Amino acid sequence: MKYIKSTLIAAALTLPLMGPAAMADTPPNVLVVAQNIDDIVAIDPAQAYEFTSGELVTNVYDRLVQYEAEDPTVLAAGLAKGWSIDADAKTITFILRDDATFHSGNPVTGADVADSLARVIKLNLTPAFILAQLGWTADNVDEMVTADGNTVTIRYDGDFSPAFVMNILASRPASVVDMKTVMANEVDGDMGNAWLNANSAGSGPFAMQAYRPAEIIRLTANEDYFKGAPGIENVIIRHVAEAATQQLLLEQGDVDMAKNLTPDQIANLDSDKIKVEVFPQAAVHFLSFNQKTDSLTPEAVWDAARYLVDYKGMTDTIINGQMDIHQAFWPKGFPGSYDETPFSYDPEKAKQILADAGVELPITVSLDVINAAPFTDMAQSLQASFADAGINFEILPGTGSQVITKYRDRSHEAMLLYWGPDFMDPHSNAKAFAYNSDNSDGNYTATTTWRNAWAVPDAMNKMTTAALTETDPEKRLDMYRTLQKQVQETSPIVIMFQASYQVAMDKDVTDYVNGATSDFVYYRLVEKN
């Protein structure tokens, strides 16, 4: 039987190479997905910070507490079966379940949990800041996070509500890795980072069987998963950058699911064979200006830009069904969102703003964009509408990883990109869009503010900090609404849309779950009938 399964998987891998005449269905217990996955830079949970890597981590690893496929809006028990909170002592004590094992067969222990969290802090890679918010440093984390058998004690330093802390512990970098396996593959003190960027060591519903960057991810079911074996034996995610190719493969039966189709393609699918499911998303899409570029530093350029986006034109056509107009950094539908949309396409008003400020025109600026639908279409729309006011974009398409790496290096001029919260609390996006206390080149910070070299006003920095520690829930949410309004009106970041994700799939596929962020994409319940 193992030989047969391997043969079926191999067949699924080669189907897209057979050509249109093949018309072969995918194997019955293998879900084959066509998706653009070239945004992945890292898959080690201590480093993974991209959207697609978030999907992978969620399906391969577990956390003490986590949002689950059955209801992605509810924080549930994960590796911990229970916990007690002492808010005064700033301590949470977790009791681990005793039926969780890693894919290697090693039991999940308290030491694995403590050492996994400490590993993130000590490696200090991109997502480490999420856990570091709890006051953890390389020097103190071994005292702040301790284990005694199956009991894990989490201590934090800061005036946070316990709910905020629990959401951090449910975030991607809080994933628990098989430390025995990882450290056996340590090279030159990297704590297994290089190995874990090509392999997996989790306890989740799937184990990663293969990963080849910008080519394929292959997952195999963990039959011993503590919540029960997944409904599908294997998941194969093929890198297919072109939306037209994704559509062709889906219509031929060579893949079961296509994740990056355009609205026009969605509209033209055969509804008798293919269904489309729509999933509201937390990602907000924005245009931003690097403040290292002199021509983009006048505030009049930022102000005019808000009236040079053809919001309605795009949502009615090229991103119809994929995005809705939203002009604030926290997504609509989440507590604390600011849903006013005061800006619309008005090139005459934009021209007047620039003229009144004496901005020298024309301005020529490069615009980095991911070379995939719908981003290139959006870039072309922006190119056309901004040219009306004398701002000329030179579009620079690149792979997801190329664009994101350039953004992190602050080497872009203008950037068309999107951002999703790292954990489900408004502070996650507030820190990204409304906080930057040290704008120096050497102070790398994983925020849109730092990456655009925007030195956030001191009053806004202080309000962001104050909102994090505010104990009155409604007052806290009002503070975040104020911050969103301020960023909306006076920042070099033009927030335009909130994503709505359309996934096309064979009608035989059921129970695919795609929550509001990439960390809430679940294959565990999927079946093919």
Protein backbone atom coordinates (compact mmCIF):
# COMPACT_ATOMS: atom_id res chain seq x y z
CA MET A 1 0.00 0.00 0.00
CA LYS A 2 2.83 2.42 0.75
CA TYR A 3 4.21 1.78 -2.75
CA ILE A 4 0.81 2.54 -4.27
CA LYS A 5 0.52 5.81 -2.33
CA SER A 6 3.99 6.88 -3.42
CA THR A 7 3.12 6.09 -7.02
CA LEU A 8 -0.07 8.14 -6.82
CA ILE A 9 1.80 11.09 -5.35
CA ALA A 10 4.44 10.88 -8.06
CA ALA A 11 1.69 10.82 -10.66
CA ALA A 12 0.11 13.92 -9.17
CA LEU A 13 3.44 15.70 -9.37
CA THR A 14 3.84 14.98 -13.06
CA LEU A 15 0.27 15.66 -14.19
CA PRO A 16 0.80 19.34 -15.04
CA LEU A 17 3.60 18.29 -17.37
CA MET A 18 1.43 15.94 -19.42
CA GLY A 19 -0.34 18.60 -21.48
CA PRO A 20 -4.02 19.19 -22.24
CA ALA A 21 -4.65 15.68 -23.58
CA ALA A 22 -4.10 14.05 -20.20
CA MET A 23 -7.41 15.18 -18.61
CA ALA A 24 -6.51 13.08 -15.56
CA ASP A 25 -8.12 13.47 -12.17
CA THR A 26 -5.88 13.79 -9.15
CA PRO A 27 -5.51 10.74 -6.87
CA PRO A 28 -8.51 10.29 -4.56
CA ASN A 29 -6.71 10.87 -1.26
CA VAL A 30 -4.33 13.59 -2.45
CA LEU A 31 -5.28 17.28 -2.53
CA VAL A 32 -3.30 19.06 -5.27
CA VAL A 33 -3.21 22.85 -5.03
CA ALA A 34 -2.01 25.37 -7.62
CA GLN A 35 -0.70 28.45 -5.83
CA ASN A 36 1.91 31.17 -6.14
CA ILE A 37 4.33 30.28 -3.32
CA ASP A 38 7.38 32.29 -4.33
CA ASP A 39 6.95 34.73 -1.45
CA ILE A 40 8.49 32.19 0.94
CA VAL A 41 11.82 33.31 2.39
CA ALA A 42 11.92 30.95 5.39
CA ILE A 43 9.88 28.09 6.85
CA ASP A 44 11.55 27.73 10.26
CA PRO A 45 8.84 29.00 12.66
CA ALA A 46 11.50 31.13 14.34
CA GLN A 47 12.08 32.94 11.02
CA ALA A 48 9.00 32.40 8.83
CA TYR A 49 7.29 35.72 8.24
CA GLU A 50 5.66 35.46 4.82
CA PHE A 51 2.04 34.68 3.99
CA THR A 52 2.59 31.27 2.41
CA SER A 53 5.06 30.20 5.07
CA GLY A 54 2.35 31.01 7.60
CA GLU A 55 0.07 28.45 5.95
CA LEU A 56 2.81 25.85 6.10
CA VAL A 57 3.70 26.48 9.75
CA THR A 58 0.07 26.28 10.87
CA ASN A 59 -0.45 22.88 9.26
CA VAL A 60 2.83 21.38 10.48
CA TYR A 61 3.27 22.79 14.01
CA ASP A 62 1.22 23.27 17.19
CA ARG A 63 1.23 25.95 19.89
CA LEU A 64 0.19 25.95 23.54
CA VAL A 65 -3.07 27.62 22.52
CA GLN A 66 -4.20 28.07 18.94
CA TYR A 67 -7.03 29.00 16.61
CA GLU A 68 -8.42 25.81 15.09
CA ALA A 69 -10.04 24.72 11.83
CA GLU A 70 -13.39 24.03 13.51
CA ASP A 71 -13.74 27.75 14.36
CA PRO A 72 -10.81 30.06 13.50
CA THR A 73 -12.32 32.89 15.55
CA VAL A 74 -12.03 31.05 18.88
CA LEU A 75 -8.78 30.66 20.81
CA ALA A 76 -8.69 27.02 21.88
CA ALA A 77 -6.47 24.56 23.70
CA GLY A 78 -3.56 23.29 21.63
CA LEU A 79 -0.65 21.45 23.22
CA ALA A 80 -1.90 22.75 26.56
CA LYS A 81 -4.96 21.05 27.98
CA GLY A 82 -5.43 23.68 30.67
CA TRP A 83 -3.96 26.82 32.20
CA SER A 84 -4.30 29.25 35.08
CA ILE A 85 -3.65 32.99 34.94
CA ASP A 86 -2.23 35.18 37.69
CA ALA A 87 -2.52 38.66 36.20
CA ASP A 88 -1.04 40.37 39.25
CA ALA A 89 2.07 38.22 39.14
CA LYS A 90 2.13 38.40 35.34
CA THR A 91 2.28 34.63 35.14
CA ILE A 92 0.39 32.00 33.15
CA THR A 93 0.85 28.32 34.01
CA PHE A 94 0.07 25.72 31.35
CA ILE A 95 -0.47 21.99 31.77
CA LEU A 96 0.43 20.02 28.64
CA ARG A 97 -1.68 17.23 27.21
CA ASP A 98 -0.01 13.84 27.45
CA ASP A 99 -1.04 12.43 24.06
CA ALA A 100 0.93 14.74 21.74
CA THR A 101 3.97 13.45 19.86
CA PHE A 102 6.23 14.95 17.24
CA HIS A 103 6.39 13.50 13.75
CA SER A 104 9.68 11.87 14.76
CA GLY A 105 7.86 9.88 17.43
CA ASN A 106 9.40 11.91 20.26
CA PRO A 107 6.89 13.00 22.93
CA VAL A 108 6.08 16.70 23.24
CA THR A 109 7.50 17.82 26.59
CA GLY A 110 7.50 20.96 28.64
CA ALA A 111 11.18 21.33 27.85
CA ASP A 112 10.36 21.38 24.12
CA VAL A 113 7.90 24.21 24.70
CA ALA A 114 10.24 26.29 26.84
CA ASP A 115 13.25 25.73 24.59
CA SER A 116 11.25 26.46 21.42
CA LEU A 117 10.15 29.84 22.75
CA ALA A 118 13.65 30.60 23.99
CA ARG A 119 15.09 29.57 20.62
CA VAL A 120 13.04 32.26 18.85
CA ILE A 121 14.36 34.95 21.18
CA LYS A 122 17.98 33.77 20.98
CA LEU A 123 17.99 33.49 17.18
CA ASN A 124 16.39 36.96 17.04
CA LEU A 125 15.16 36.62 13.47
CA THR A 126 12.28 38.57 11.87
CA PRO A 127 9.27 37.39 13.94
CA ALA A 128 11.14 37.36 17.26
CA PHE A 129 9.77 40.81 18.04
CA ILE A 130 6.31 39.28 18.55
CA LEU A 131 7.48 37.25 21.56
CA ALA A 132 9.97 39.92 22.69
CA GLN A 133 7.01 42.19 23.42
CA LEU A 134 6.59 40.15 26.61
CA GLY A 135 9.86 41.51 27.91
CA TRP A 136 11.86 38.46 26.91
CA THR A 137 15.50 38.82 25.97
CA ALA A 138 18.28 36.36 25.21
CA ASP A 139 19.57 37.01 28.73
CA ASN A 140 16.32 36.44 30.64
CA VAL A 141 14.13 34.14 28.55
CA ASP A 142 15.36 30.99 30.28
CA GLU A 143 14.07 32.42 33.56
CA MET A 144 10.88 33.89 32.08
CA VAL A 145 9.83 30.61 30.43
CA THR A 146 10.40 27.48 32.49
CA ALA A 147 9.28 23.86 32.45
CA ASP A 148 8.82 21.25 35.14
CA GLY A 149 7.73 18.00 33.53
CA ASN A 150 4.49 18.73 31.69
CA THR A 151 4.01 22.10 33.40
CA VAL A 152 5.16 25.24 31.59
CA THR A 153 5.26 28.58 33.37
CA ILE A 154 5.18 31.74 31.27
CA ARG A 155 6.20 35.02 32.89
CA TYR A 156 5.95 38.38 31.16
CA ASP A 157 7.20 41.86 31.88
CA GLY A 158 4.80 44.61 30.89
CA ASP A 159 1.40 46.05 31.64
CA PHE A 160 -0.54 43.81 29.30
CA SER A 161 -3.93 42.24 29.60
CA PRO A 162 -3.73 38.43 29.78
CA ALA A 163 -5.77 38.28 26.55
CA PHE A 164 -2.98 40.11 24.74
CA VAL A 165 -0.40 37.66 26.10
CA MET A 166 -2.51 34.64 25.10
CA ASN A 167 -2.81 35.97 21.56
CA ILE A 168 0.95 36.31 21.37
CA LEU A 169 1.33 32.70 22.53
CA ALA A 170 -1.04 31.68 19.73
CA SER A 171 1.08 33.43 17.09
CA ARG A 172 3.32 31.77 14.51
CA PRO A 173 6.72 32.11 16.29
CA ALA A 174 5.22 30.45 19.38
CA SER A 175 5.07 27.17 17.45
CA VAL A 176 6.69 24.27 19.29
CA VAL A 177 9.46 22.36 17.54
CA ASP A 178 11.03 18.97 18.28
CA MET A 179 14.12 20.34 19.99
CA LYS A 180 15.89 16.99 20.12
CA THR A 181 15.66 16.62 16.34
CA VAL A 182 16.36 20.28 15.61
CA MET A 183 19.44 20.54 17.80
CA ALA A 184 20.80 17.30 16.35
CA ASN A 185 20.98 19.25 13.09
CA GLU A 186 22.63 22.38 14.49
CA VAL A 187 25.48 23.79 12.41
CA ASP A 188 27.87 26.46 13.66
CA GLY A 189 25.58 27.50 16.49
CA ASP A 190 22.52 28.17 14.27
CA MET A 191 20.23 26.12 16.56
CA GLY A 192 19.15 24.08 13.55
CA ASN A 193 17.90 27.11 11.58
CA ALA A 194 19.38 26.12 8.21
CA TRP A 195 18.09 22.56 8.56
CA LEU A 196 14.62 23.70 9.65
CA ASN A 197 14.38 25.94 6.60
CA ALA A 198 14.44 22.82 4.44
CA ASN A 199 12.78 20.30 6.76
CA SER A 200 10.13 20.19 9.48
CA ALA A 201 10.04 19.05 13.10
CA GLY A 202 6.51 19.59 14.31
CA SER A 203 3.64 17.78 15.99
CA GLY A 204 0.86 19.15 13.79
CA PRO A 205 -1.71 17.40 11.59
CA PHE A 206 0.74 17.20 8.68
CA ALA A 207 4.46 16.53 8.33
CA MET A 208 6.37 18.19 5.55
CA GLN A 209 7.62 15.48 3.22
CA ALA A 210 9.26 17.77 0.66
CA TYR A 211 9.91 21.45 0.07
CA ARG A 212 11.60 22.95 -2.97
CA PRO A 213 11.51 26.77 -3.05
CA ALA A 214 9.26 28.27 -5.72
CA GLU A 215 8.42 24.74 -6.86
CA ILE A 216 6.56 22.48 -4.44
CA ILE A 217 5.42 21.79 -0.89
CA ARG A 218 4.34 18.24 -0.11
CA LEU A 219 2.61 17.38 3.17
CA THR A 220 1.68 13.95 4.50
CA ALA A 221 -0.95 13.29 7.14
CA ASN A 222 0.03 12.68 10.75
CA GLU A 223 -2.12 9.62 11.48
CA ASP A 224 -1.40 9.94 15.21
CA TYR A 225 -2.43 13.58 15.56
CA PHE A 226 -4.04 14.17 18.95
CA LYS A 227 -7.16 15.71 17.39
CA GLY A 228 -7.51 12.79 14.99
CA ALA A 229 -6.00 11.96 11.63
CA PRO A 230 -6.60 14.50 8.83
CA GLY A 231 -9.33 13.74 6.31
CA ILE A 232 -6.84 13.70 3.42
CA GLU A 233 -3.61 11.69 3.26
CA ASN A 234 -1.46 14.13 1.29
CA VAL A 235 -1.46 17.77 0.26
CA ILE A 236 0.68 18.86 -2.68
CA ILE A 237 1.05 22.60 -3.25
CA ARG A 238 2.48 23.33 -6.69
CA HIS A 239 4.05 26.67 -7.42
CA VAL A 240 2.13 28.06 -10.37
CA ALA A 241 2.69 31.80 -10.73
CA GLU A 242 0.47 32.41 -13.74
CA ALA A 243 -3.25 32.65 -13.04
CA ALA A 244 -4.08 31.43 -16.55
CA THR A 245 -2.06 28.27 -15.98
CA GLN A 246 -3.77 27.70 -12.64
CA GLN A 247 -7.16 27.93 -14.37
CA LEU A 248 -6.12 25.50 -17.11
CA LEU A 249 -4.84 22.94 -14.62
CA LEU A 250 -8.01 23.19 -12.54
CA GLU A 251 -10.29 22.81 -15.55
CA GLN A 252 -8.29 19.82 -16.81
CA GLY A 253 -8.54 18.09 -13.43
CA ASP A 254 -4.77 18.23 -12.92
CA VAL A 255 -5.23 20.15 -9.66
CA ASP A 256 -8.08 20.23 -7.15
CA MET A 257 -7.73 23.85 -6.13
CA ALA A 258 -6.50 27.14 -7.64
CA LYS A 259 -5.78 30.00 -5.25
CA ASN A 260 -4.76 32.95 -7.42
CA LEU A 261 -7.35 33.31 -10.16
CA THR A 262 -8.45 36.73 -11.40
CA PRO A 263 -12.08 37.92 -11.14
CA ASP A 264 -12.54 37.42 -14.90
CA GLN A 265 -11.30 33.85 -14.64
CA ILE A 266 -13.54 33.19 -11.64
CA ALA A 267 -16.54 34.47 -13.57
CA ASN A 268 -15.82 32.17 -16.53
CA LEU A 269 -15.41 28.91 -14.62
CA ASP A 270 -17.79 26.03 -15.31
CA SER A 271 -20.01 26.12 -12.23
CA ASP A 272 -21.17 22.55 -12.86
CA LYS A 273 -17.70 21.22 -12.13
CA ILE A 274 -15.95 23.93 -10.13
CA LYS A 275 -17.10 25.87 -7.10
CA VAL A 276 -15.75 29.14 -5.73
CA GLU A 277 -15.62 29.85 -2.02
CA VAL A 278 -15.07 33.36 -0.69
CA PHE A 279 -13.14 34.00 2.53
CA PRO A 280 -12.94 37.50 4.11
CA GLN A 281 -9.34 38.34 4.90
CA ALA A 282 -7.53 40.48 7.44
CA ALA A 283 -4.89 41.65 4.97
CA VAL A 284 -4.93 45.32 4.02
CA HIS A 285 -3.39 46.48 0.74
CA PHE A 286 -1.47 49.72 0.57
CA LEU A 287 0.78 51.97 -1.47
CA SER A 288 3.73 53.38 0.47
CA PHE A 289 6.50 55.90 -0.14
CA ASN A 290 10.05 55.42 1.16
CA GLN A 291 11.09 58.56 2.99
CA LYS A 292 14.68 58.00 1.88
CA THR A 293 13.51 59.23 -1.54
CA ASP A 294 13.61 63.05 -1.45
CA SER A 295 10.83 63.60 -3.98
CA LEU A 296 8.44 61.55 -1.81
CA THR A 297 9.01 63.35 1.51
CA PRO A 298 6.63 66.34 1.09
CA GLU A 299 3.39 65.69 2.93
CA ALA A 300 1.55 67.18 -0.03
CA VAL A 301 2.66 64.17 -2.08
CA TRP A 302 1.09 61.85 0.50
CA ASP A 303 -2.09 63.94 0.63
CA ALA A 304 -2.44 64.07 -3.14
CA ALA A 305 -1.79 60.34 -3.46
CA ARG A 306 -4.95 59.54 -1.51
CA TYR A 307 -6.97 61.22 -4.28
CA LEU A 308 -5.06 59.57 -7.13
CA VAL A 309 -6.12 56.00 -6.41
CA ASP A 310 -9.07 54.87 -8.50
CA TYR A 311 -10.56 52.87 -5.65
CA LYS A 312 -13.96 52.21 -7.18
CA GLY A 313 -12.59 51.66 -10.66
CA MET A 314 -10.37 48.86 -9.41
CA THR A 315 -12.94 47.18 -7.14
CA ASP A 316 -15.47 47.25 -9.98
CA THR A 317 -13.07 45.59 -12.43
CA ILE A 318 -9.61 44.11 -11.87
CA ILE A 319 -10.06 43.22 -8.17
CA ASN A 320 -13.82 42.66 -8.20
CA GLY A 321 -14.60 40.00 -5.60
CA GLN A 322 -11.01 40.01 -4.33
CA MET A 323 -10.87 43.28 -2.41
CA ASP A 324 -13.15 45.90 -0.88
CA ILE A 325 -12.39 49.57 -0.31
CA HIS A 326 -10.92 50.01 3.17
CA GLN A 327 -8.67 52.90 4.17
CA ALA A 328 -7.52 52.07 7.71
CA PHE A 329 -4.87 49.71 9.03
CA TRP A 330 -7.09 47.42 11.17
CA PRO A 331 -9.46 45.25 9.10
CA LYS A 332 -13.17 45.86 9.03
CA GLY A 333 -15.09 43.28 11.03
CA PHE A 334 -12.58 43.14 13.89
CA PRO A 335 -13.11 44.97 17.20
CA GLY A 336 -11.57 48.44 17.04
CA SER A 337 -11.73 48.89 13.26
CA TYR A 338 -12.18 52.36 11.76
CA ASP A 339 -14.38 51.95 8.72
CA GLU A 340 -14.67 55.47 7.31
CA THR A 341 -13.49 55.83 3.68
CA PRO A 342 -13.13 59.59 3.10
CA PHE A 343 -10.94 59.42 -0.02
CA SER A 344 -12.03 58.87 -3.61
CA TYR A 345 -10.45 59.37 -7.01
CA ASP A 346 -10.22 63.12 -7.61
CA PRO A 347 -7.21 64.04 -9.78
CA GLU A 348 -8.16 67.73 -9.92
CA LYS A 349 -8.08 67.95 -6.13
CA ALA A 350 -4.75 66.11 -6.08
CA LYS A 351 -3.28 68.55 -8.62
CA GLN A 352 -4.45 71.49 -6.50
CA ILE A 353 -2.84 70.03 -3.36
CA LEU A 354 0.48 69.64 -5.17
CA ALA A 355 0.26 73.10 -6.73
CA ASP A 356 -0.59 74.81 -3.43
CA ALA A 357 2.42 73.16 -1.81
CA GLY A 358 4.74 74.13 -4.66
CA VAL A 359 5.78 70.54 -5.31
CA GLU A 360 8.07 70.38 -8.33
CA LEU A 361 6.61 68.14 -11.04
CA PRO A 362 6.87 65.76 -12.72
CA ILE A 363 8.06 63.20 -10.19
CA THR A 364 9.40 59.92 -11.53
CA VAL A 365 9.49 57.07 -9.02
CA SER A 366 9.96 53.30 -9.23
CA LEU A 367 7.08 51.15 -7.97
CA ASP A 368 7.93 47.65 -6.77
CA VAL A 369 5.17 45.07 -7.18
CA ILE A 370 4.78 41.31 -6.98
CA ASN A 371 4.73 39.89 -10.50
CA ALA A 372 1.39 38.11 -10.19
CA ALA A 373 -2.31 38.82 -10.51
CA PRO A 374 -3.87 41.08 -9.39
CA PHE A 375 -0.88 43.12 -8.25
CA THR A 376 0.52 43.93 -11.67
CA ASP A 377 -2.93 45.03 -12.83
CA MET A 378 -3.27 47.24 -9.76
CA ALA A 379 0.15 48.75 -10.41
CA GLN A 380 -0.86 49.61 -13.97
CA SER A 381 -4.03 51.27 -12.69
CA LEU A 382 -1.98 53.35 -10.24
CA GLN A 383 0.50 54.19 -13.00
CA ALA A 384 -2.31 55.57 -15.17
CA SER A 385 -4.16 57.50 -12.46
CA PHE A 386 -1.06 59.05 -10.83
CA ALA A 387 0.25 60.20 -14.22
CA ASP A 388 -2.77 62.53 -14.40
CA ALA A 389 -1.15 64.62 -11.66
CA GLY A 390 2.45 64.40 -12.85
CA ILE A 391 3.60 61.48 -10.68
CA ASN A 392 5.06 58.86 -13.01
CA PHE A 393 5.51 55.30 -11.78
CA GLU A 394 8.10 53.01 -13.35
CA ILE A 395 6.78 49.55 -12.48
CA LEU A 396 9.39 47.05 -11.23
CA PRO A 397 7.83 43.56 -11.04
CA GLY A 398 9.55 40.84 -9.03
CA THR A 399 8.88 37.60 -7.20
CA GLY A 400 7.23 37.85 -3.81
CA SER A 401 10.49 37.11 -1.99
CA GLN A 402 12.41 39.67 -4.09
CA VAL A 403 9.88 42.42 -3.43
CA ILE A 404 9.61 41.67 0.30
CA THR A 405 13.40 41.44 0.71
CA LYS A 406 13.80 44.82 -1.00
CA TYR A 407 11.13 46.28 1.28
CA ARG A 408 12.92 44.99 4.36
CA ASP A 409 16.16 46.56 3.10
CA ARG A 410 14.49 49.96 2.63
CA SER A 411 15.94 50.02 -0.88
CA HIS A 412 12.65 50.67 -2.71
CA GLU A 413 11.11 54.01 -3.67
CA ALA A 414 7.39 53.24 -3.81
CA MET A 415 5.90 49.88 -2.89
CA LEU A 416 2.59 48.17 -3.60
CA LEU A 417 2.12 45.49 -0.96
CA TYR A 418 -0.20 44.08 1.69
CA TRP A 419 -0.02 43.45 5.43
CA GLY A 420 -1.77 41.06 7.76
CA PRO A 421 -1.74 41.05 11.57
CA ASP A 422 0.78 38.84 13.32
CA PHE A 423 -1.78 38.02 16.00
CA MET A 424 -5.41 38.89 16.50
CA ASP A 425 -5.10 42.08 18.52
CA PRO A 426 -5.24 45.64 17.09
CA HIS A 427 -1.82 46.36 18.56
CA SER A 428 -0.35 44.01 15.97
CA ASN A 429 -1.21 46.41 13.14
CA ALA A 430 -0.92 49.59 15.23
CA LYS A 431 2.71 48.82 15.91
CA ALA A 432 3.26 48.20 12.19
CA PHE A 433 1.53 51.35 10.89
CA ALA A 434 1.62 53.86 13.77
CA TYR A 435 4.87 53.30 15.67
CA ASN A 436 8.53 53.88 14.91
CA SER A 437 10.55 55.25 17.81
CA ASP A 438 13.97 54.65 16.22
CA ASN A 439 14.20 55.29 12.49
CA SER A 440 17.94 54.63 12.20
CA ASP A 441 19.18 52.28 9.48
CA GLY A 442 20.72 49.92 12.00
CA ASN A 443 17.50 49.46 13.95
CA TYR A 444 15.76 46.90 11.74
CA THR A 445 12.09 46.66 12.69
CA ALA A 446 9.48 44.51 10.98
CA THR A 447 6.99 47.35 10.48
CA THR A 448 5.73 49.32 7.50
CA THR A 449 6.79 52.54 9.23
CA TRP A 450 10.45 51.60 9.62
CA ARG A 451 10.63 49.96 6.20
CA ASN A 452 9.40 53.19 4.63
CA ALA A 453 11.81 55.20 6.83
CA TRP A 454 8.92 57.17 8.27
CA ALA A 455 9.82 58.76 11.61
CA VAL A 456 6.42 58.56 13.29
CA PRO A 457 5.49 61.67 15.33
CA ASP A 458 6.19 61.31 19.02
CA ALA A 459 2.54 61.82 20.00
CA MET A 460 1.48 58.90 17.80
CA ASN A 461 4.22 56.69 19.23
CA LYS A 462 3.02 57.51 22.74
CA MET A 463 -0.62 56.79 21.91
CA THR A 464 0.32 53.41 20.42
CA THR A 465 2.15 52.51 23.60
CA ALA A 466 -0.67 53.81 25.79
CA ALA A 467 -3.31 51.81 23.87
CA LEU A 468 -1.37 48.62 24.51
CA THR A 469 -1.52 49.10 28.27
CA GLU A 470 -5.03 50.56 28.54
CA THR A 471 -7.13 48.36 30.85
CA ASP A 472 -10.55 49.72 29.87
CA PRO A 473 -11.54 47.60 26.82
CA GLU A 474 -13.75 50.17 25.06
CA LYS A 475 -11.42 53.07 25.74
CA ARG A 476 -8.58 50.98 24.33
CA LEU A 477 -10.49 50.30 21.10
CA ASP A 478 -11.30 54.02 20.76
CA MET A 479 -7.60 54.79 20.99
CA TYR A 480 -6.90 52.40 18.12
CA ARG A 481 -9.64 54.05 16.05
CA THR A 482 -7.99 57.43 16.64
CA LEU A 483 -4.63 56.04 15.57
CA GLN A 484 -6.15 54.65 12.38
CA LYS A 485 -7.69 58.03 11.54
CA GLN A 486 -4.34 59.76 12.09
CA VAL A 487 -2.44 57.31 9.89
CA GLN A 488 -5.18 57.57 7.29
CA GLU A 489 -4.81 61.36 7.12
CA THR A 490 -1.11 62.03 7.68
CA SER A 491 1.29 59.27 6.70
CA PRO A 492 3.27 58.18 3.62
CA ILE A 493 1.21 54.97 3.62
CA VAL A 494 -1.95 55.01 1.51
CA ILE A 495 -4.18 52.16 2.68
CA MET A 496 -6.61 51.27 -0.09
CA PHE A 497 -8.27 47.88 0.23
CA GLN A 498 -9.08 44.91 2.44
CA ALA A 499 -8.72 41.50 0.86
CA SER A 500 -11.50 39.06 0.18
CA TYR A 501 -10.04 35.77 -0.92
CA GLN A 502 -11.66 33.66 -3.65
CA VAL A 503 -10.56 30.03 -3.92
CA ALA A 504 -11.71 27.92 -6.86
CA MET A 505 -11.87 24.18 -6.31
CA ASP A 506 -13.30 20.97 -7.66
CA LYS A 507 -16.81 20.34 -6.36
CA ASP A 508 -15.57 17.11 -4.78
CA VAL A 509 -13.45 19.06 -2.28
CA THR A 510 -15.12 19.81 1.05
CA ASP A 511 -14.23 21.42 4.38
CA TYR A 512 -11.31 23.56 3.27
CA VAL A 513 -10.92 26.32 5.86
CA ASN A 514 -9.32 29.68 5.09
CA GLY A 515 -9.58 32.06 8.00
CA ALA A 516 -8.87 35.77 8.08
CA THR A 517 -5.07 35.43 7.88
CA SER A 518 -2.61 33.02 6.31
CA ASP A 519 -2.03 31.54 9.77
CA PHE A 520 -5.64 30.34 9.68
CA VAL A 521 -5.43 28.17 6.55
CA TYR A 522 -6.29 24.58 7.42
CA TYR A 523 -6.19 21.36 5.41
CA ARG A 524 -6.90 19.04 8.35
CA LEU A 525 -10.64 18.70 7.72
CA VAL A 526 -10.46 18.52 3.90
CA GLU A 527 -12.00 15.51 2.16
CA LYS A 528 -12.52 14.59 -1.48
CA ASN A 529 -15.86 12.90 -2.03
